N, C-alpha and C. Protein backbone atom coordinates (compact mmCIF):
# COMPACT_ATOMS: atom_id res chain seq x y z
N MET A 1 -73.74 -11.32 -21.48
CA MET A 1 -74.48 -11.43 -20.26
C MET A 1 -73.91 -12.53 -19.37
N LYS A 2 -73.49 -13.65 -20.01
CA LYS A 2 -72.90 -14.76 -19.25
C LYS A 2 -71.60 -14.31 -18.59
N ARG A 3 -70.84 -13.45 -19.28
CA ARG A 3 -69.58 -12.96 -18.70
C ARG A 3 -69.86 -12.11 -17.45
N LEU A 4 -70.85 -11.22 -17.53
CA LEU A 4 -71.20 -10.38 -16.40
C LEU A 4 -71.65 -11.22 -15.22
N LEU A 5 -72.48 -12.25 -15.49
CA LEU A 5 -72.96 -13.14 -14.44
C LEU A 5 -71.80 -13.91 -13.82
N ALA A 6 -70.85 -14.36 -14.64
CA ALA A 6 -69.68 -15.07 -14.13
C ALA A 6 -68.82 -14.14 -13.28
N LEU A 7 -68.67 -12.87 -13.71
CA LEU A 7 -67.88 -11.90 -12.97
C LEU A 7 -68.51 -11.60 -11.61
N VAL A 8 -69.82 -11.41 -11.59
CA VAL A 8 -70.53 -11.14 -10.34
C VAL A 8 -70.44 -12.35 -9.42
N ALA A 9 -70.60 -13.56 -9.97
CA ALA A 9 -70.51 -14.77 -9.16
C ALA A 9 -69.11 -14.93 -8.58
N THR A 10 -68.09 -14.65 -9.36
CA THR A 10 -66.71 -14.76 -8.89
C THR A 10 -66.43 -13.73 -7.80
N ALA A 11 -66.92 -12.50 -8.01
CA ALA A 11 -66.73 -11.45 -7.01
C ALA A 11 -67.46 -11.82 -5.71
N GLY A 12 -68.67 -12.34 -5.82
CA GLY A 12 -69.43 -12.76 -4.64
C GLY A 12 -68.72 -13.86 -3.89
N LEU A 13 -68.18 -14.84 -4.63
CA LEU A 13 -67.44 -15.94 -4.03
C LEU A 13 -66.19 -15.43 -3.31
N ALA A 14 -65.49 -14.47 -3.94
CA ALA A 14 -64.28 -13.91 -3.33
C ALA A 14 -64.61 -13.16 -2.04
N VAL A 15 -65.68 -12.38 -2.06
CA VAL A 15 -66.08 -11.64 -0.86
C VAL A 15 -66.49 -12.62 0.24
N GLY A 16 -67.25 -13.66 -0.11
CA GLY A 16 -67.66 -14.66 0.87
C GLY A 16 -66.47 -15.39 1.47
N LEU A 17 -65.53 -15.76 0.63
CA LEU A 17 -64.32 -16.45 1.10
C LEU A 17 -63.51 -15.56 2.03
N TYR A 18 -63.37 -14.28 1.66
CA TYR A 18 -62.63 -13.34 2.51
C TYR A 18 -63.33 -13.17 3.86
N ALA A 19 -64.65 -13.04 3.85
CA ALA A 19 -65.40 -12.81 5.08
C ALA A 19 -65.27 -13.98 6.04
N THR A 20 -65.20 -15.20 5.52
CA THR A 20 -65.11 -16.36 6.41
C THR A 20 -63.70 -16.62 6.91
N THR A 21 -62.68 -16.19 6.17
CA THR A 21 -61.31 -16.49 6.58
C THR A 21 -60.57 -15.31 7.21
N ALA A 22 -61.07 -14.10 7.06
CA ALA A 22 -60.37 -12.93 7.60
C ALA A 22 -60.43 -12.95 9.12
N GLY A 23 -59.33 -12.62 9.75
CA GLY A 23 -59.26 -12.58 11.21
C GLY A 23 -59.70 -11.22 11.71
N GLY A 24 -60.93 -11.04 11.93
CA GLY A 24 -61.44 -9.75 12.40
C GLY A 24 -62.02 -9.89 13.79
N GLY A 25 -62.62 -8.84 14.27
CA GLY A 25 -63.28 -8.88 15.57
C GLY A 25 -62.31 -8.64 16.70
N GLN A 26 -62.74 -8.97 17.90
CA GLN A 26 -61.94 -8.73 19.09
C GLN A 26 -60.93 -9.85 19.27
N GLN A 27 -59.78 -9.48 19.78
CA GLN A 27 -58.76 -10.47 20.06
C GLN A 27 -58.62 -10.58 21.58
N ALA A 28 -58.32 -11.76 22.05
CA ALA A 28 -58.19 -11.99 23.48
C ALA A 28 -56.90 -11.37 24.00
N VAL A 29 -56.96 -10.82 25.20
CA VAL A 29 -55.79 -10.27 25.86
C VAL A 29 -55.27 -11.32 26.82
N THR A 30 -53.98 -11.53 26.77
CA THR A 30 -53.39 -12.55 27.66
C THR A 30 -53.35 -12.01 29.09
N PRO A 31 -53.30 -12.90 30.08
CA PRO A 31 -53.20 -12.46 31.48
C PRO A 31 -51.98 -11.59 31.73
N GLY A 32 -50.88 -11.87 31.04
CA GLY A 32 -49.66 -11.05 31.20
C GLY A 32 -49.87 -9.63 30.68
N GLN A 33 -50.54 -9.51 29.52
CA GLN A 33 -50.82 -8.18 28.96
C GLN A 33 -51.76 -7.41 29.89
N PHE A 34 -52.76 -8.11 30.43
CA PHE A 34 -53.71 -7.47 31.33
C PHE A 34 -53.01 -6.98 32.59
N ALA A 35 -52.13 -7.79 33.14
CA ALA A 35 -51.40 -7.41 34.35
C ALA A 35 -50.51 -6.19 34.08
N ALA A 36 -49.86 -6.16 32.92
CA ALA A 36 -49.00 -5.03 32.57
C ALA A 36 -49.82 -3.75 32.42
N LEU A 37 -50.97 -3.85 31.76
CA LEU A 37 -51.84 -2.68 31.60
C LEU A 37 -52.37 -2.20 32.95
N LYS A 38 -52.73 -3.15 33.80
CA LYS A 38 -53.23 -2.80 35.14
C LYS A 38 -52.16 -2.05 35.93
N LYS A 39 -50.91 -2.49 35.81
CA LYS A 39 -49.80 -1.84 36.50
C LYS A 39 -49.59 -0.42 35.96
N GLN A 40 -49.68 -0.26 34.63
CA GLN A 40 -49.52 1.07 34.03
C GLN A 40 -50.64 2.01 34.48
N VAL A 41 -51.86 1.53 34.51
CA VAL A 41 -53.00 2.35 34.93
C VAL A 41 -52.84 2.76 36.40
N ALA A 42 -52.39 1.85 37.25
CA ALA A 42 -52.19 2.18 38.67
C ALA A 42 -51.14 3.28 38.82
N LYS A 43 -50.06 3.21 38.05
CA LYS A 43 -48.99 4.23 38.10
C LYS A 43 -49.53 5.57 37.61
N ILE A 44 -50.30 5.57 36.53
CA ILE A 44 -50.87 6.81 36.00
C ILE A 44 -51.83 7.42 37.01
N GLN A 45 -52.64 6.59 37.67
CA GLN A 45 -53.57 7.11 38.69
C GLN A 45 -52.80 7.74 39.85
N LYS A 46 -51.70 7.13 40.24
CA LYS A 46 -50.87 7.67 41.32
C LYS A 46 -50.28 9.02 40.90
N ASP A 47 -49.80 9.11 39.66
CA ASP A 47 -49.24 10.36 39.15
C ASP A 47 -50.31 11.46 39.09
N VAL A 48 -51.50 11.13 38.64
CA VAL A 48 -52.59 12.11 38.55
C VAL A 48 -52.95 12.62 39.95
N THR A 49 -53.01 11.73 40.92
CA THR A 49 -53.30 12.13 42.30
C THR A 49 -52.22 13.09 42.81
N ALA A 50 -50.96 12.78 42.52
CA ALA A 50 -49.86 13.66 42.95
C ALA A 50 -49.93 15.01 42.25
N LEU A 51 -50.25 15.01 40.96
CA LEU A 51 -50.35 16.27 40.22
C LEU A 51 -51.51 17.12 40.73
N LYS A 52 -52.63 16.48 41.06
CA LYS A 52 -53.77 17.23 41.63
C LYS A 52 -53.35 17.89 42.94
N TYR A 53 -52.60 17.17 43.76
CA TYR A 53 -52.13 17.72 45.03
C TYR A 53 -51.22 18.92 44.78
N VAL A 54 -50.30 18.79 43.81
CA VAL A 54 -49.38 19.87 43.49
C VAL A 54 -50.15 21.10 43.03
N VAL A 55 -51.12 20.90 42.15
CA VAL A 55 -51.91 22.04 41.65
C VAL A 55 -52.68 22.69 42.79
N ASP A 56 -53.30 21.89 43.65
CA ASP A 56 -54.10 22.44 44.74
C ASP A 56 -53.25 23.10 45.82
N SER A 57 -52.03 22.61 46.07
CA SER A 57 -51.23 23.13 47.17
C SER A 57 -50.16 24.12 46.76
N CYS A 58 -49.60 23.97 45.57
CA CYS A 58 -48.42 24.75 45.20
C CYS A 58 -48.72 25.91 44.26
N ILE A 59 -49.88 25.92 43.65
CA ILE A 59 -50.24 26.98 42.70
C ILE A 59 -51.43 27.73 43.28
N VAL A 60 -51.21 29.01 43.59
CA VAL A 60 -52.22 29.82 44.25
C VAL A 60 -52.51 31.06 43.40
N PRO A 61 -53.79 31.36 43.15
CA PRO A 61 -54.10 32.56 42.36
C PRO A 61 -53.90 33.83 43.19
N ILE A 62 -53.48 34.90 42.53
CA ILE A 62 -53.32 36.20 43.19
C ILE A 62 -53.97 37.26 42.29
N GLY A 63 -54.69 38.18 42.91
CA GLY A 63 -55.34 39.25 42.16
C GLY A 63 -54.34 40.31 41.74
N ILE A 64 -54.44 40.77 40.50
CA ILE A 64 -53.54 41.78 39.96
C ILE A 64 -54.38 42.98 39.51
N VAL A 65 -53.89 44.18 39.81
CA VAL A 65 -54.57 45.42 39.44
C VAL A 65 -53.62 46.23 38.56
N GLN A 66 -54.16 46.82 37.49
CA GLN A 66 -53.36 47.70 36.64
C GLN A 66 -53.63 49.14 37.07
N PHE A 67 -52.55 49.89 37.24
CA PHE A 67 -52.65 51.30 37.62
C PHE A 67 -52.14 52.17 36.49
N GLY A 68 -52.82 53.30 36.27
CA GLY A 68 -52.40 54.27 35.27
C GLY A 68 -52.90 53.92 33.88
N ASP A 69 -52.93 54.94 33.02
CA ASP A 69 -53.32 54.71 31.62
C ASP A 69 -52.16 54.94 30.67
N GLY A 70 -51.02 55.40 31.21
CA GLY A 70 -49.83 55.61 30.39
C GLY A 70 -49.82 56.93 29.64
N GLN A 71 -50.91 57.70 29.74
CA GLN A 71 -50.96 58.99 29.03
C GLN A 71 -51.20 60.15 30.00
N THR A 72 -52.20 60.03 30.85
CA THR A 72 -52.51 61.12 31.79
C THR A 72 -52.24 60.72 33.23
N ALA A 73 -52.11 59.43 33.48
CA ALA A 73 -51.86 58.95 34.84
C ALA A 73 -51.02 57.69 34.75
N GLY A 74 -50.20 57.48 35.75
CA GLY A 74 -49.39 56.28 35.77
C GLY A 74 -48.11 56.48 36.54
N TYR A 75 -47.14 55.67 36.21
CA TYR A 75 -45.86 55.70 36.89
C TYR A 75 -44.84 56.39 36.00
N HIS A 76 -44.04 57.22 36.63
CA HIS A 76 -42.97 57.92 35.95
C HIS A 76 -41.79 56.96 35.88
N TYR A 77 -41.28 56.73 34.66
CA TYR A 77 -40.21 55.74 34.47
C TYR A 77 -39.09 56.38 33.67
N LYS A 78 -37.88 56.15 34.14
CA LYS A 78 -36.70 56.69 33.46
C LYS A 78 -35.99 55.54 32.74
N ASN A 79 -35.88 55.65 31.42
CA ASN A 79 -35.21 54.64 30.60
C ASN A 79 -33.70 54.71 30.79
N PRO A 80 -32.97 53.65 30.44
CA PRO A 80 -31.50 53.66 30.56
C PRO A 80 -30.84 54.79 29.76
N ASP A 81 -31.48 55.22 28.68
CA ASP A 81 -30.88 56.30 27.88
C ASP A 81 -31.16 57.68 28.45
N GLY A 82 -31.86 57.75 29.58
CA GLY A 82 -32.15 59.02 30.23
C GLY A 82 -33.52 59.59 29.91
N SER A 83 -34.16 59.08 28.87
CA SER A 83 -35.50 59.58 28.54
C SER A 83 -36.49 59.10 29.59
N GLU A 84 -37.57 59.86 29.75
CA GLU A 84 -38.56 59.53 30.76
C GLU A 84 -39.93 59.35 30.13
N ILE A 85 -40.70 58.41 30.67
CA ILE A 85 -42.04 58.15 30.14
C ILE A 85 -43.02 57.99 31.29
N LEU A 86 -44.27 58.14 30.96
CA LEU A 86 -45.36 57.84 31.88
C LEU A 86 -45.93 56.50 31.42
N THR A 87 -46.05 55.53 32.33
CA THR A 87 -46.46 54.19 31.92
C THR A 87 -47.40 53.57 32.95
N THR A 88 -48.02 52.48 32.55
CA THR A 88 -48.88 51.74 33.47
C THR A 88 -48.02 50.76 34.26
N ALA A 89 -48.61 50.20 35.31
CA ALA A 89 -47.89 49.21 36.10
C ALA A 89 -48.90 48.22 36.68
N LEU A 90 -48.42 47.03 36.97
CA LEU A 90 -49.23 46.01 37.61
C LEU A 90 -48.79 45.90 39.07
N ASP A 91 -49.77 45.65 39.94
CA ASP A 91 -49.47 45.48 41.36
C ASP A 91 -50.45 44.45 41.92
N ALA A 92 -50.06 43.84 43.01
CA ALA A 92 -50.96 42.89 43.67
C ALA A 92 -52.14 43.65 44.25
N ALA A 93 -53.32 43.10 44.09
CA ALA A 93 -54.53 43.73 44.62
C ALA A 93 -54.50 43.68 46.14
N GLN A 94 -54.86 44.80 46.75
CA GLN A 94 -54.96 44.86 48.20
C GLN A 94 -56.34 44.38 48.62
N GLN A 95 -56.50 44.05 49.88
CA GLN A 95 -57.79 43.57 50.36
C GLN A 95 -58.86 44.63 50.07
N GLY A 96 -59.96 44.20 49.48
CA GLY A 96 -61.05 45.11 49.14
C GLY A 96 -60.99 45.64 47.72
N GLN A 97 -59.82 45.54 47.05
CA GLN A 97 -59.70 45.98 45.66
C GLN A 97 -60.20 44.89 44.72
N GLN A 98 -60.85 45.31 43.65
CA GLN A 98 -61.32 44.37 42.63
C GLN A 98 -60.17 44.10 41.66
N PRO A 99 -59.67 42.87 41.58
CA PRO A 99 -58.56 42.60 40.66
C PRO A 99 -59.00 42.69 39.20
N ASP A 100 -58.09 43.15 38.35
CA ASP A 100 -58.34 43.18 36.91
C ASP A 100 -58.12 41.80 36.29
N VAL A 101 -57.23 41.03 36.89
CA VAL A 101 -56.89 39.71 36.36
C VAL A 101 -56.35 38.86 37.51
N LEU A 102 -56.45 37.55 37.37
CA LEU A 102 -55.84 36.62 38.32
C LEU A 102 -54.62 36.00 37.67
N MET A 103 -53.55 35.89 38.43
CA MET A 103 -52.34 35.23 37.95
C MET A 103 -51.98 34.14 38.94
N ALA A 104 -51.26 33.15 38.47
CA ALA A 104 -50.86 32.04 39.33
C ALA A 104 -49.51 32.34 39.97
N THR A 105 -49.44 32.13 41.27
CA THR A 105 -48.14 32.16 41.95
C THR A 105 -47.77 30.71 42.23
N ILE A 106 -46.52 30.39 41.99
CA ILE A 106 -46.06 29.01 42.10
C ILE A 106 -44.96 28.93 43.15
N ASP A 107 -45.18 28.11 44.17
CA ASP A 107 -44.20 27.90 45.22
C ASP A 107 -43.22 26.84 44.72
N SER A 108 -42.03 27.27 44.31
CA SER A 108 -41.07 26.33 43.71
C SER A 108 -40.61 25.25 44.69
N LYS A 109 -40.49 25.59 45.98
CA LYS A 109 -40.09 24.57 46.96
C LYS A 109 -41.17 23.49 47.07
N CYS A 110 -42.42 23.91 47.04
CA CYS A 110 -43.54 22.97 47.10
C CYS A 110 -43.55 22.08 45.86
N ILE A 111 -43.34 22.70 44.70
CA ILE A 111 -43.31 21.94 43.44
C ILE A 111 -42.20 20.91 43.48
N ASN A 112 -40.99 21.35 43.83
CA ASN A 112 -39.84 20.43 43.85
C ASN A 112 -40.05 19.29 44.83
N ALA A 113 -40.63 19.58 45.98
CA ALA A 113 -40.83 18.54 46.99
C ALA A 113 -41.89 17.54 46.55
N ASN A 114 -42.87 17.98 45.79
CA ASN A 114 -43.99 17.10 45.45
C ASN A 114 -43.89 16.46 44.06
N LEU A 115 -43.00 16.92 43.20
CA LEU A 115 -42.86 16.29 41.89
C LEU A 115 -41.96 15.06 41.94
N ARG A 116 -41.17 14.95 42.97
CA ARG A 116 -40.28 13.78 43.08
C ARG A 116 -41.14 12.51 43.10
N GLY A 117 -40.70 11.53 42.38
CA GLY A 117 -41.41 10.25 42.38
C GLY A 117 -42.40 10.09 41.23
N LEU A 118 -42.70 11.17 40.51
CA LEU A 118 -43.58 11.00 39.35
C LEU A 118 -42.82 10.29 38.25
N ALA A 119 -43.50 9.46 37.51
CA ALA A 119 -42.87 8.64 36.49
C ALA A 119 -42.11 9.49 35.48
N GLY A 120 -40.82 9.28 35.38
CA GLY A 120 -40.02 9.92 34.35
C GLY A 120 -39.69 11.38 34.60
N VAL A 121 -40.09 11.98 35.72
CA VAL A 121 -39.81 13.39 35.96
C VAL A 121 -38.48 13.49 36.70
N LYS A 122 -37.58 14.27 36.13
CA LYS A 122 -36.27 14.49 36.73
C LYS A 122 -36.14 15.98 37.01
N LEU A 123 -35.82 16.33 38.25
CA LEU A 123 -35.64 17.73 38.61
C LEU A 123 -34.18 18.09 38.43
N THR A 124 -33.92 19.07 37.56
CA THR A 124 -32.55 19.52 37.31
C THR A 124 -32.53 21.02 37.44
N GLY A 125 -31.87 21.52 38.46
CA GLY A 125 -31.81 22.96 38.67
C GLY A 125 -33.20 23.51 38.90
N HIS A 126 -33.61 24.45 38.04
CA HIS A 126 -34.92 25.08 38.17
C HIS A 126 -35.95 24.45 37.23
N HIS A 127 -35.56 23.42 36.50
CA HIS A 127 -36.45 22.87 35.49
C HIS A 127 -36.79 21.41 35.79
N ALA A 128 -38.02 21.03 35.53
CA ALA A 128 -38.43 19.64 35.59
C ALA A 128 -38.54 19.14 34.16
N THR A 129 -37.89 18.03 33.87
CA THR A 129 -37.97 17.47 32.53
C THR A 129 -38.55 16.08 32.62
N ARG A 130 -39.18 15.66 31.55
CA ARG A 130 -39.80 14.34 31.50
C ARG A 130 -39.02 13.48 30.53
N SER A 131 -38.48 12.35 31.00
CA SER A 131 -37.76 11.45 30.12
C SER A 131 -38.73 10.59 29.36
N ARG A 132 -38.34 10.20 28.17
CA ARG A 132 -39.24 9.39 27.33
C ARG A 132 -38.60 8.08 26.98
């Protein structure tokens, strides 16, 4: 029984000693770290504003309608091997038509003009890449 009591007392002492000496809790941020974080947040906010503009101005939804069922109605299509099939096709919805689906149209000139200046984005040919 004395051994158990000694073990419990030693364990309690060890836990108490650890609790008083362990460096826990919040640590202070230096003014330099705060300034650096503030600068990063400002840049991210600027990038988000630019991306919102790009999405709102350069990406426009367009209504798409599917025509034909591919079996009894549709478009007559001739394959390269000479065989012919009846198939469905997609077309832009005309005014007054109910679209089956919406697709995004992207104005590449608008995208290219507005992506310049975003952090780490490099426009190369038709692709935008992000450097890390």
